[in-house]
PDB file of N, CA and C in Angstrom:
ATOM      1  N   MET A   1     101.016  69.664 131.891  1.00  0.00           N
ATOM      2  CA  MET A   1     102.160  70.545 131.740  1.00  0.00           C
ATOM      3  C   MET A   1     102.807  70.687 133.481  1.00  0.00           C
ATOM      4  N   LYS A   2     103.955  70.485 133.444  1.00  0.00           N
ATOM      5  CA  LYS A   2     104.596  70.407 134.759  1.00  0.00           C
ATOM      6  C   LYS A   2     104.522  71.659 135.538  1.00  0.00           C
ATOM      7  N   LYS A   3     104.442  71.810 136.898  1.00  0.00           N
ATOM      8  CA  LYS A   3     104.268  73.096 137.657  1.00  0.00           C
ATOM      9  C   LYS A   3     105.562  73.981 137.502  1.00  0.00           C
ATOM     10  N   SER A   4     106.813  73.394 137.141  1.00  0.00           N
ATOM     11  CA  SER A   4     107.734  74.220 136.867  1.00  0.00           C
ATOM     12  C   SER A   4     107.653  74.990 135.528  1.00  0.00           C
ATOM     13  N   ASN A   5     107.115  74.345 134.464  1.00  0.00           N
ATOM     14  CA  ASN A   5     106.794  74.854 133.311  1.00  0.00           C
ATOM     15  C   ASN A   5     105.856  75.873 133.343  1.00  0.00           C
ATOM     16  N   ILE A   6     104.757  75.789 134.135  1.00  0.00           N
ATOM     17  CA  ILE A   6     103.812  76.803 134.320  1.00  0.00           C
ATOM     18  C   ILE A   6     104.311  77.939 134.970  1.00  0.00           C
ATOM     19  N   ILE A   7     105.130  77.842 135.944  1.00  0.00           N
ATOM     20  CA  ILE A   7     105.614  79.021 136.589  1.00  0.00           C
ATOM     21  C   ILE A   7     106.783  79.740 135.770  1.00  0.00           C
ATOM     22  N   ILE A   8     107.555  78.979 134.946  1.00  0.00           N
ATOM     23  CA  ILE A   8     108.373  79.604 133.932  1.00  0.00           C
ATOM     24  C   ILE A   8     107.591  80.522 132.893  1.00  0.00           C
ATOM     25  N   THR A   9     106.533  79.669 132.434  1.00  0.00           N
ATOM     26  CA  THR A   9     105.743  80.612 131.464  1.00  0.00           C
ATOM     27  C   THR A   9     105.153  81.794 131.869  1.00  0.00           C
ATOM     28  N   PHE A  10     104.688  81.752 133.221  1.00  0.00           N
ATOM     29  CA  PHE A  10     104.102  83.212 134.025  1.00  0.00           C
ATOM     30  C   PHE A  10     105.255  83.975 134.061  1.00  0.00           C
ATOM     31  N   LEU A  11     106.496  83.687 134.559  1.00  0.00           N
ATOM     32  CA  LEU A  11     107.558  84.545 134.552  1.00  0.00           C
ATOM     33  C   LEU A  11     108.011  85.278 133.287  1.00  0.00           C
ATOM     34  N   ILE A  12     107.983  84.392 132.302  1.00  0.00           N
ATOM     35  CA  ILE A  12     108.081  85.025 130.874  1.00  0.00           C
ATOM     36  C   ILE A  12     107.200  85.987 130.428  1.00  0.00           C
ATOM     37  N   ALA A  13     105.876  85.513 130.548  1.00  0.00           N
ATOM     38  CA  ALA A  13     104.692  86.664 130.124  1.00  0.00           C
ATOM     39  C   ALA A  13     105.029  87.740 131.218  1.00  0.00           C
ATOM     40  N   GLY A  14     105.104  87.588 132.368  1.00  0.00           N
ATOM     41  CA  GLY A  14     105.243  89.054 133.261  1.00  0.00           C
ATOM     42  C   GLY A  14     106.497  89.888 132.711  1.00  0.00           C
ATOM     43  N   LEU A  15     107.563  89.404 132.574  1.00  0.00           N
ATOM     44  CA  LEU A  15     108.645  90.099 131.823  1.00  0.00           C
ATOM     45  C   LEU A  15     108.362  90.865 130.519  1.00  0.00           C
ATOM     46  N   LEU A  16     107.685  89.932 129.572  1.00  0.00           N
ATOM     47  CA  LEU A  16     107.289  90.634 128.350  1.00  0.00           C
ATOM     48  C   LEU A  16     106.120  91.607 128.597  1.00  0.00           C
ATOM     49  N   TYR A  17     105.272  91.444 129.464  1.00  0.00           N
ATOM     50  CA  TYR A  17     104.307  92.460 129.704  1.00  0.00           C
ATOM     51  C   TYR A  17     104.903  93.771 130.426  1.00  0.00           C
ATOM     52  N   SER A  18     105.996  93.647 131.180  1.00  0.00           N
ATOM     53  CA  SER A  18     106.571  94.813 131.841  1.00  0.00           C
ATOM     54  C   SER A  18     107.510  95.475 130.914  1.00  0.00           C
ATOM     55  N   LEU A  19     108.101  95.006 129.923  1.00  0.00           N
ATOM     56  CA  LEU A  19     108.717  95.476 128.926  1.00  0.00           C
ATOM     57  C   LEU A  19     107.789  96.237 127.978  1.00  0.00           C
ATOM     58  N   ALA A  20     106.877  95.693 127.510  1.00  0.00           N
ATOM     59  CA  ALA A  20     105.789  96.091 126.738  1.00  0.00           C
ATOM     60  C   ALA A  20     105.040  97.388 127.251  1.00  0.00           C
ATOM     61  N   SER A  21     104.759  97.259 128.666  1.00  0.00           N
ATOM     62  CA  SER A  21     103.991  98.104 129.154  1.00  0.00           C
ATOM     63  C   SER A  21     105.010  99.523 129.417  1.00  0.00           C
ATOM     64  N   GLY A  22     106.257  99.382 129.688  1.00  0.00           N
ATOM     65  CA  GLY A  22     107.155 100.324 129.623  1.00  0.00           C
ATOM     66  C   GLY A  22     107.166 101.280 128.330  1.00  0.00           C
ATOM     67  N   ALA A  23     107.359 100.498 127.128  1.00  0.00           N
ATOM     68  CA  ALA A  23     107.172 101.303 125.880  1.00  0.00           C
ATOM     69  C   ALA A  23     105.923 101.772 125.695  1.00  0.00           C
ATOM     70  N   ALA A  24     104.819 100.852 126.088  1.00  0.00           N
ATOM     71  CA  ALA A  24     103.441 101.472 125.509  1.00  0.00           C
ATOM     72  C   ALA A  24     103.029 102.708 126.237  1.00  0.00           C
ATOM     73  N   SER A  25     103.481 103.063 127.505  1.00  0.00           N
ATOM     74  CA  SER A  25     103.258 104.164 128.164  1.00  0.00           C
ATOM     75  C   SER A  25     103.980 105.554 127.779  1.00  0.00           C
ATOM     76  N   LEU A  26     104.569 105.478 126.620  1.00  0.00           N
ATOM     77  CA  LEU A  26     105.234 106.733 126.289  1.00  0.00           C
ATOM     78  C   LEU A  26     104.269 107.407 125.142  1.00  0.00           C
ATOM     79  N   PRO A  27     104.643 108.743 125.068  1.00  0.00           N
ATOM     80  CA  PRO A  27     103.677 109.363 124.082  1.00  0.00           C
ATOM     81  C   PRO A  27     104.032 108.909 122.635  1.00  0.00           C
ATOM     82  N   ASN A  28     103.335 109.321 121.619  1.00  0.00           N
ATOM     83  CA  ASN A  28     103.468 108.979 120.324  1.00  0.00           C
ATOM     84  C   ASN A  28     104.648 109.730 119.531  1.00  0.00           C
ATOM     85  N   TYR A  29     105.062 110.972 120.306  1.00  0.00           N
ATOM     86  CA  TYR A  29     106.155 111.654 119.661  1.00  0.00           C
ATOM     87  C   TYR A  29     107.652 111.092 120.299  1.00  0.00           C
ATOM     88  N   TYR A  30     107.546 110.023 121.107  1.00  0.00           N
ATOM     89  CA  TYR A  30     108.774 109.390 121.668  1.00  0.00           C
ATOM     90  C   TYR A  30     109.057 108.407 120.578  1.00  0.00           C
ATOM     91  N   PRO A  31     110.514 108.062 120.509  1.00  0.00           N
ATOM     92  CA  PRO A  31     111.022 106.953 119.589  1.00  0.00           C
ATOM     93  C   PRO A  31     110.654 105.502 120.298  1.00  0.00           C
ATOM     94  N   THR A  32     110.365 104.659 119.281  1.00  0.00           N
ATOM     95  CA  THR A  32     109.948 103.295 119.656  1.00  0.00           C
ATOM     96  C   THR A  32     110.982 102.610 120.786  1.00  0.00           C
ATOM     97  N   ASN A  33     112.416 103.023 120.445  1.00  0.00           N
ATOM     98  CA  ASN A  33     113.364 102.523 121.423  1.00  0.00           C
ATOM     99  C   ASN A  33     114.478 103.596 121.531  1.00  0.00           C
ATOM    100  N   PHE A  34     115.404 103.504 122.463  1.00  0.00           N
ATOM    101  CA  PHE A  34     116.549 104.748 122.602  1.00  0.00           C
ATOM    102  C   PHE A  34     117.798 103.923 122.536  1.00  0.00           C
ATOM    103  N   ARG A  35     118.590 104.496 121.598  1.00  0.00           N
ATOM    104  CA  ARG A  35     120.137 103.944 121.489  1.00  0.00           C
ATOM    105  C   ARG A  35     120.847 104.219 122.852  1.00  0.00           C
ATOM    106  N   MET A  36     120.539 105.516 123.393  1.00  0.00           N
ATOM    107  CA  MET A  36     121.285 105.750 124.620  1.00  0.00           C
ATOM    108  C   MET A  36     120.067 106.038 125.606  1.00  0.00           C
ATOM    109  N   TRP A  37     120.403 105.774 126.835  1.00  0.00           N
ATOM    110  CA  TRP A  37     119.608 106.010 128.055  1.00  0.00           C
ATOM    111  C   TRP A  37     120.325 105.992 129.227  1.00  0.00           C
ATOM    112  N   GLY A  38     119.723 106.676 130.381  1.00  0.00           N
ATOM    113  CA  GLY A  38     120.306 106.435 131.711  1.00  0.00           C
ATOM    114  C   GLY A  38     119.688 107.326 132.783  1.00  0.00           C
ATOM    115  N   VAL A  39     120.315 107.480 133.843  1.00  0.00           N
ATOM    116  CA  VAL A  39     119.789 108.672 134.789  1.00  0.00           C
ATOM    117  C   VAL A  39     120.634 109.718 134.582  1.00  0.00           C
ATOM    118  N   LEU A  40     119.814 110.838 134.827  1.00  0.00           N
ATOM    119  CA  LEU A  40     120.638 112.163 134.927  1.00  0.00           C
ATOM    120  C   LEU A  40     121.272 112.484 136.214  1.00  0.00           C
ATOM    121  N   ASN A  41     122.656 112.301 136.293  1.00  0.00           N
ATOM    122  CA  ASN A  41     123.162 112.404 137.667  1.00  0.00           C
ATOM    123  C   ASN A  41     123.489 113.886 137.964  1.00  0.00           C
ATOM    124  N   ARG A  42     123.747 114.759 137.046  1.00  0.00           N
ATOM    125  CA  ARG A  42     123.921 116.113 137.224  1.00  0.00           C
ATOM    126  C   ARG A  42     123.550 116.837 136.056  1.00  0.00           C
ATOM    127  N   LEU A  43     123.167 118.153 136.250  1.00  0.00           N
ATOM    128  CA  LEU A  43     122.846 118.899 134.980  1.00  0.00           C
ATOM    129  C   LEU A  43     123.254 120.278 135.405  1.00  0.00           C
ATOM    130  N   ASP A  44     124.231 120.916 134.678  1.00  0.00           N
ATOM    131  CA  ASP A  44     124.703 122.373 134.825  1.00  0.00           C
ATOM    132  C   ASP A  44     124.326 122.989 133.445  1.00  0.00           C
ATOM    133  N   ILE A  45     123.100 123.876 133.500  1.00  0.00           N
ATOM    134  CA  ILE A  45     122.607 124.549 132.544  1.00  0.00           C
ATOM    135  C   ILE A  45     123.435 125.736 131.963  1.00  0.00           C
ATOM    136  N   LYS A  46     124.262 126.376 132.851  1.00  0.00           N
ATOM    137  CA  LYS A  46     125.189 127.479 132.460  1.00  0.00           C
ATOM    138  C   LYS A  46     126.261 127.022 131.703  1.00  0.00           C
ATOM    139  N   THR A  47     126.697 125.900 132.084  1.00  0.00           N
ATOM    140  CA  THR A  47     128.014 125.412 131.181  1.00  0.00           C
ATOM    141  C   THR A  47     127.441 124.468 130.140  1.00  0.00           C
ATOM    142  N   GLY A  48     126.379 124.085 130.191  1.00  0.00           N
ATOM    143  CA  GLY A  48     125.807 123.058 129.023  1.00  0.00           C
ATOM    144  C   GLY A  48     126.290 121.727 129.203  1.00  0.00           C
ATOM    145  N   GLU A  49     126.542 121.223 130.513  1.00  0.00           N
ATOM    146  CA  GLU A  49     127.016 120.037 130.499  1.00  0.00           C
ATOM    147  C   GLU A  49     126.108 119.205 131.358  1.00  0.00           C
ATOM    148  N   ALA A  50     126.165 117.878 131.185  1.00  0.00           N
ATOM    149  CA  ALA A  50     125.314 116.860 131.998  1.00  0.00           C
ATOM    150  C   ALA A  50     126.009 115.551 132.242  1.00  0.00           C
ATOM    151  N   VAL A  51     125.770 115.164 133.244  1.00  0.00           N
ATOM    152  CA  VAL A  51     126.414 113.830 133.672  1.00  0.00           C
ATOM    153  C   VAL A  51     125.187 112.955 133.609  1.00  0.00           C
ATOM    154  N   ILE A  52     125.284 111.748 132.811  1.00  0.00           N
ATOM    155  CA  ILE A  52     124.263 110.740 132.623  1.00  0.00           C
ATOM    156  C   ILE A  52     124.940 109.605 132.865  1.00  0.00           C
ATOM    157  N   ASN A  53     124.702 108.552 133.878  1.00  0.00           N
ATOM    158  CA  ASN A  53     125.344 107.328 134.015  1.00  0.00           C
ATOM    159  C   ASN A  53     126.777 107.548 134.323  1.00  0.00           C
ATOM    160  N   ASP A  54     127.098 108.630 135.228  1.00  0.00           N
ATOM    161  CA  ASP A  54     128.562 108.927 135.671  1.00  0.00           C
ATOM    162  C   ASP A  54     129.407 109.305 134.418  1.00  0.00           C
ATOM    163  N   MET A  55     128.712 109.663 133.187  1.00  0.00           N
ATOM    164  CA  MET A  55     129.595 110.174 132.144  1.00  0.00           C
ATOM    165  C   MET A  55     129.287 111.832 131.832  1.00  0.00           C
ATOM    166  N   LYS A  56     130.369 112.474 131.651  1.00  0.00           N
ATOM    167  CA  LYS A  56     130.136 113.903 131.536  1.00  0.00           C
ATOM    168  C   LYS A  56     129.834 113.943 130.017  1.00  0.00           C
ATOM    169  N   MET A  57     128.843 114.858 129.809  1.00  0.00           N
ATOM    170  CA  MET A  57     128.532 114.984 128.060  1.00  0.00           C
ATOM    171  C   MET A  57     128.014 116.433 128.147  1.00  0.00           C
ATOM    172  N   THR A  58     128.160 116.940 126.795  1.00  0.00           N
ATOM    173  CA  THR A  58     127.801 118.421 126.504  1.00  0.00           C
ATOM    174  C   THR A  58     126.405 118.374 125.927  1.00  0.00           C
ATOM    175  N   LEU A  59     125.830 119.415 126.208  1.00  0.00           N
ATOM    176  CA  LEU A  59     124.386 119.646 125.745  1.00  0.00           C
ATOM    177  C   LEU A  59     124.596 120.634 124.530  1.00  0.00           C
ATOM    178  N   SER A  60     123.769 120.427 123.533  1.00  0.00           N
ATOM    179  CA  SER A  60     123.516 121.492 122.457  1.00  0.00           C
ATOM    180  C   SER A  60     122.877 122.698 122.995  1.00  0.00           C
ATOM    181  N   ASP A  61     123.315 123.800 122.368  1.00  0.00           N
ATOM    182  CA  ASP A  61     122.588 125.154 122.566  1.00  0.00           C
ATOM    183  C   ASP A  61     121.119 124.908 122.099  1.00  0.00           C
ATOM    184  N   ASN A  62     120.900 124.123 121.218  1.00  0.00           N
ATOM    185  CA  ASN A  62     119.463 124.016 120.828  1.00  0.00           C
ATOM    186  C   ASN A  62     118.885 122.651 121.110  1.00  0.00           C
ATOM    187  N   LEU A  63     119.165 122.235 122.482  1.00  0.00           N
ATOM    188  CA  LEU A  63     118.837 120.851 122.746  1.00  0.00           C
ATOM    189  C   LEU A  63     117.261 120.687 122.795  1.00  0.00           C
ATOM    190  N   HIS A  64     116.689 119.772 122.222  1.00  0.00           N
ATOM    191  CA  HIS A  64     115.184 119.499 122.004  1.00  0.00           C
ATOM    192  C   HIS A  64     114.857 118.528 123.158  1.00  0.00           C
ATOM    193  N   VAL A  65     113.920 119.047 124.147  1.00  0.00           N
ATOM    194  CA  VAL A  65     113.506 118.417 125.258  1.00  0.00           C
ATOM    195  C   VAL A  65     112.024 118.067 125.249  1.00  0.00           C
ATOM    196  N   TYR A  66     111.889 116.607 125.246  1.00  0.00           N
ATOM    197  CA  TYR A  66     110.459 116.098 125.251  1.00  0.00           C
ATOM    198  C   TYR A  66     110.214 115.493 126.570  1.00  0.00           C
ATOM    199  N   THR A  67     109.077 115.748 126.978  1.00  0.00           N
ATOM    200  CA  THR A  67     108.569 115.210 128.300  1.00  0.00           C
ATOM    201  C   THR A  67     107.230 114.450 128.083  1.00  0.00           C
ATOM    202  N   LEU A  68     106.759 113.767 129.090  1.00  0.00           N
ATOM    203  CA  LEU A  68     105.662 112.863 129.107  1.00  0.00           C
ATOM    204  C   LEU A  68     104.435 113.701 128.775  1.00  0.00           C
ATOM    205  N   ASN A  69     104.434 114.938 129.217  1.00  0.00           N
ATOM    206  CA  ASN A  69     103.242 115.988 129.019  1.00  0.00           C
ATOM    207  C   ASN A  69     103.298 117.068 127.718  1.00  0.00           C
ATOM    208  N   THR A  70     104.555 117.073 127.261  1.00  0.00           N
ATOM    209  CA  THR A  70     104.569 117.964 126.206  1.00  0.00           C
ATOM    210  C   THR A  70     105.732 117.655 125.107  1.00  0.00           C
ATOM    211  N   GLN A  71     105.382 117.910 123.792  1.00  0.00           N
ATOM    212  CA  GLN A  71     106.536 117.467 122.905  1.00  0.00           C
ATOM    213  C   GLN A  71     107.454 118.407 122.757  1.00  0.00           C
ATOM    214  N   PHE A  72     107.216 119.942 123.317  1.00  0.00           N
ATOM    215  CA  PHE A  72     108.129 120.648 123.231  1.00  0.00           C
ATOM    216  C   PHE A  72     108.397 121.568 124.592  1.00  0.00           C
ATOM    217  N   SER A  73     109.682 121.113 125.056  1.00  0.00           N
ATOM    218  CA  SER A  73     109.748 121.457 126.496  1.00  0.00           C
ATOM    219  C   SER A  73     111.094 122.236 126.398  1.00  0.00           C
ATOM    220  N   SER A  74     111.768 122.528 127.812  1.00  0.00           N
ATOM    221  CA  SER A  74     113.013 123.197 127.596  1.00  0.00           C
ATOM    222  C   SER A  74     113.914 122.333 128.733  1.00  0.00           C
ATOM    223  N   VAL A  75     115.432 122.762 128.604  1.00  0.00           N
ATOM    224  CA  VAL A  75     116.125 122.110 129.564  1.00  0.00           C
ATOM    225  C   VAL A  75     115.962 122.440 131.078  1.00  0.00           C
ATOM    226  N   GLN A  76     114.977 123.433 131.413  1.00  0.00           N
ATOM    227  CA  GLN A  76     114.688 123.827 132.609  1.00  0.00           C
ATOM    228  C   GLN A  76     113.663 122.773 133.198  1.00  0.00           C
ATOM    229  N   SER A  77     112.932 121.942 132.443  1.00  0.00           N
ATOM    230  CA  SER A  77     112.218 120.791 133.046  1.00  0.00           C
ATOM    231  C   SER A  77     112.805 119.761 133.364  1.00  0.00           C
ATOM    232  N   LEU A  78     114.226 119.638 133.078  1.00  0.00           N
ATOM    233  CA  LEU A  78     115.153 118.396 133.553  1.00  0.00           C
ATOM    234  C   LEU A  78     115.495 118.521 134.900  1.00  0.00           C
ATOM    235  N   HIS A  79     115.656 117.619 135.554  1.00  0.00           N
ATOM    236  CA  HIS A  79     116.471 117.622 136.908  1.00  0.00           C
ATOM    237  C   HIS A  79     117.116 116.486 137.311  1.00  0.00           C
ATOM    238  N   THR A  80     118.025 116.400 138.235  1.00  0.00           N
ATOM    239  CA  THR A  80     118.721 115.155 138.531  1.00  0.00           C
ATOM    240  C   THR A  80     117.873 113.995 139.077  1.00  0.00           C
ATOM    241  N   GLY A  81     118.349 112.882 138.756  1.00  0.00           N
ATOM    242  CA  GLY A  81     117.729 111.705 139.032  1.00  0.00           C
ATOM    243  C   GLY A  81     116.490 111.123 138.041  1.00  0.00           C
ATOM    244  N   MET A  82     116.297 111.815 137.205  1.00  0.00           N
ATOM    245  CA  MET A  82     115.431 111.474 136.206  1.00  0.00           C
ATOM    246  C   MET A  82     115.845 110.386 135.220  1.00  0.00           C
ATOM    247  N   LYS A  83     115.298 109.435 134.639  1.00  0.00           N
ATOM    248  CA  LYS A  83     115.494 108.496 133.744  1.00  0.00           C
ATOM    249  C   LYS A  83     115.377 109.154 132.311  1.00  0.00           C
ATOM    250  N   VAL A  84     116.398 109.166 131.433  1.00  0.00           N
ATOM    251  CA  VAL A  84     116.269 109.916 130.230  1.00  0.00           C
ATOM    252  C   VAL A  84     116.630 108.935 129.132  1.00  0.00           C
ATOM    253  N   GLY A  85     116.243 109.213 127.905  1.00  0.00           N
ATOM    254  CA  GLY A  85     116.741 108.702 126.835  1.00  0.00           C
ATOM    255  C   GLY A  85     117.318 109.918 125.857  1.00  0.00           C
ATOM    256  N   PHE A  86     118.353 109.776 125.216  1.00  0.00           N
ATOM    257  CA  PHE A  86     118.950 110.785 124.443  1.00  0.00           C
ATOM    258  C   PHE A  86     119.572 110.449 123.129  1.00  0.00           C
ATOM    259  N   ALA A  87     119.649 111.502 122.398  1.00  0.00           N
ATOM    260  CA  ALA A  87     120.415 111.411 121.124  1.00  0.00           C
ATOM    261  C   ALA A  87     121.574 112.337 120.894  1.00  0.00           C
ATOM    262  N   MET A  88     122.460 111.731 120.201  1.00  0.00           N
ATOM    263  CA  MET A  88     123.810 112.563 120.263  1.00  0.00           C
ATOM    264  C   MET A  88     124.120 112.625 118.728  1.00  0.00           C
ATOM    265  N   THR A  89     124.937 113.702 118.581  1.00  0.00           N
ATOM    266  CA  THR A  89     125.700 113.866 117.106  1.00  0.00           C
ATOM    267  C   THR A  89     126.990 114.444 117.502  1.00  0.00           C
ATOM    268  N   ALA A  90     127.866 114.363 116.278  1.00  0.00           N
ATOM    269  CA  ALA A  90     129.277 114.811 116.587  1.00  0.00           C
ATOM    270  C   ALA A  90     129.293 116.339 115.961  1.00  0.00           C
ATOM    271  N   ARG A  91     130.104 117.131 116.734  1.00  0.00           N
ATOM    272  CA  ARG A  91     130.256 118.537 116.240  1.00  0.00           C
ATOM    273  C   ARG A  91     131.161 118.389 115.193  1.00  0.00           C
ATOM    274  N   GLY A  92     131.678 119.671 114.754  1.00  0.00           N
ATOM    275  CA  GLY A  92     132.562 119.843 113.604  1.00  0.00           C
ATOM    276  C   GLY A  92     133.879 119.115 114.039  1.00  0.00           C
ATOM    277  N   ASN A  93     134.512 119.277 115.214  1.00  0.00           N
ATOM    278  CA  ASN A  93     135.402 118.828 115.719  1.00  0.00           C
ATOM    279  C   ASN A  93     135.682 117.323 116.163  1.00  0.00           C
ATOM    280  N   GLY A  94     134.372 116.673 116.004  1.00  0.00           N
ATOM    281  CA  GLY A  94     134.050 115.269 116.248  1.00  0.00           C
ATOM    282  C   GLY A  94     133.733 114.908 117.554  1.00  0.00           C
ATOM    283  N   ALA A  95     133.669 115.961 118.563  1.00  0.00           N
ATOM    284  CA  ALA A  95     133.259 115.723 119.791  1.00  0.00           C
ATOM    285  C   ALA A  95     131.760 115.547 119.929  1.00  0.00           C
ATOM    286  N   PRO A  96     131.139 114.522 120.631  1.00  0.00           N
ATOM    287  CA  PRO A  96     129.766 114.214 120.814  1.00  0.00           C
ATOM    288  C   PRO A  96     129.070 115.235 121.441  1.00  0.00           C
ATOM    289  N   ILE A  97     127.718 115.450 121.197  1.00  0.00           N
ATOM    290  CA  ILE A  97     126.923 116.638 121.989  1.00  0.00           C
ATOM    291  C   ILE A  97     125.539 116.124 121.860  1.00  0.00           C
ATOM    292  N   ILE A  98     124.865 116.018 122.965  1.00  0.00           N
ATOM    293  CA  ILE A  98     123.473 115.648 123.105  1.00  0.00           C
ATOM    294  C   ILE A  98     122.643 116.679 122.430  1.00  0.00           C
ATOM    295  N   THR A  99     121.869 116.273 121.495  1.00  0.00           N
ATOM    296  CA  THR A  99     120.837 116.962 120.759  1.00  0.00           C
ATOM    297  C   THR A  99     119.394 117.039 120.902  1.00  0.00           C
ATOM    298  N   GLU A 100     119.046 115.754 121.576  1.00  0.00           N
ATOM    299  CA  GLU A 100     117.599 115.661 122.020  1.00  0.00           C
ATOM    300  C   GLU A 100     117.713 114.636 123.140  1.00  0.00           C
ATOM    301  N   MET A 101     116.643 114.869 124.050  1.00  0.00           N
ATOM    302  CA  MET A 101     116.497 114.274 125.326  1.00  0.00           C
ATOM    303  C   MET A 101     115.060 114.003 125.697  1.00  0.00           C
ATOM    304  N   TRP A 102     114.643 112.863 125.742  1.00  0.00           N
ATOM    305  CA  TRP A 102     113.376 112.614 126.573  1.00  0.00           C
ATOM    306  C   TRP A 102     113.314 111.992 127.775  1.00  0.00           C
ATOM    307  N   VAL A 103     112.362 112.590 128.560  1.00  0.00           N
ATOM    308  CA  VAL A 103     112.152 112.409 130.029  1.00  0.00           C
ATOM    309  C   VAL A 103     111.424 110.972 130.028  1.00  0.00           C
ATOM    310  N   LEU A 104     111.787 110.095 130.643  1.00  0.00           N
ATOM    311  CA  LEU A 104     111.330 108.806 130.799  1.00  0.00           C
ATOM    312  C   LEU A 104     110.517 108.638 132.023  1.00  0.00           C
ATOM    313  N   PRO A 105     109.364 107.697 132.216  1.00  0.00           N
ATOM    314  CA  PRO A 105     108.692 107.506 133.417  1.00  0.00           C
ATOM    315  C   PRO A 105     109.690 106.953 134.462  1.00  0.00           C
ATOM    316  N   ASP A 106     109.503 107.314 135.916  1.00  0.00           N
ATOM    317  CA  ASP A 106     110.265 106.398 136.775  1.00  0.00           C
ATOM    318  C   ASP A 106     110.249 104.936 136.827  1.00  0.00           C
ATOM    319  N   ASP A 107     109.256 104.338 136.327  1.00  0.00           N
ATOM    320  CA  ASP A 107     108.913 103.044 136.330  1.00  0.00           C
ATOM    321  C   ASP A 107     109.229 102.326 134.893  1.00  0.00           C
ATOM    322  N   TYR A 108     109.829 103.159 133.937  1.00  0.00           N
ATOM    323  CA  TYR A 108     110.374 102.698 132.689  1.00  0.00           C
ATOM    324  C   TYR A 108     111.298 101.673 132.813  1.00  0.00           C
ATOM    325  N   HIS A 109     111.247 100.613 132.127  1.00  0.00           N
ATOM    326  CA  HIS A 109     112.249  99.576 132.115  1.00  0.00           C
ATOM    327  C   HIS A 109     112.908  99.541 130.764  1.00  0.00           C
ATOM    328  N   TYR A 110     114.162  99.593 130.544  1.00  0.00           N
ATOM    329  CA  TYR A 110     114.969  99.493 129.435  1.00  0.00           C
ATOM    330  C   TYR A 110     114.763  98.292 128.862  1.00  0.00           C
ATOM    331  N   PRO A 111     114.538  98.114 127.492  1.00  0.00           N
ATOM    332  CA  PRO A 111     114.559  96.825 126.771  1.00  0.00           C
ATOM    333  C   PRO A 111     115.896  96.204 126.900  1.00  0.00           C
ATOM    334  N   SER A 112     116.075  94.988 126.761  1.00  0.00           N
ATOM    335  CA  SER A 112     117.265  94.166 126.657  1.00  0.00           C
ATOM    336  C   SER A 112     117.931  94.665 125.489  1.00  0.00           C
ATOM    337  N   ARG A 113     119.203  94.650 125.488  1.00  0.00           N
ATOM    338  CA  ARG A 113     119.954  94.840 124.158  1.00  0.00           C
ATOM    339  C   ARG A 113     120.359  93.598 123.523  1.00  0.00           C
TER     340      ARG A 113
END
């Protein structure tokens, strides 16, 4: 096998390992993948608003928060700079609202789309 093929094989194996290890380190009450994710840039609990990846979003009054340590947490466990996965639904007027949020580890790598 050529030296370049060996190097490419190791790079691909390393990439696959890092993706698998990011997903494998999550608790069993986390989804296997996230449709939406990003960095929590701003959080205003009083107004029920969050900015994730520079996009302003509304938080549900009944927001379900999951952390790496507990399946049942609260919005108070969230802080800016965190990586999060989240789920949204539409309100009666069609406006999107975040209903669930999962705190992700700092070293979590998002799978490629």
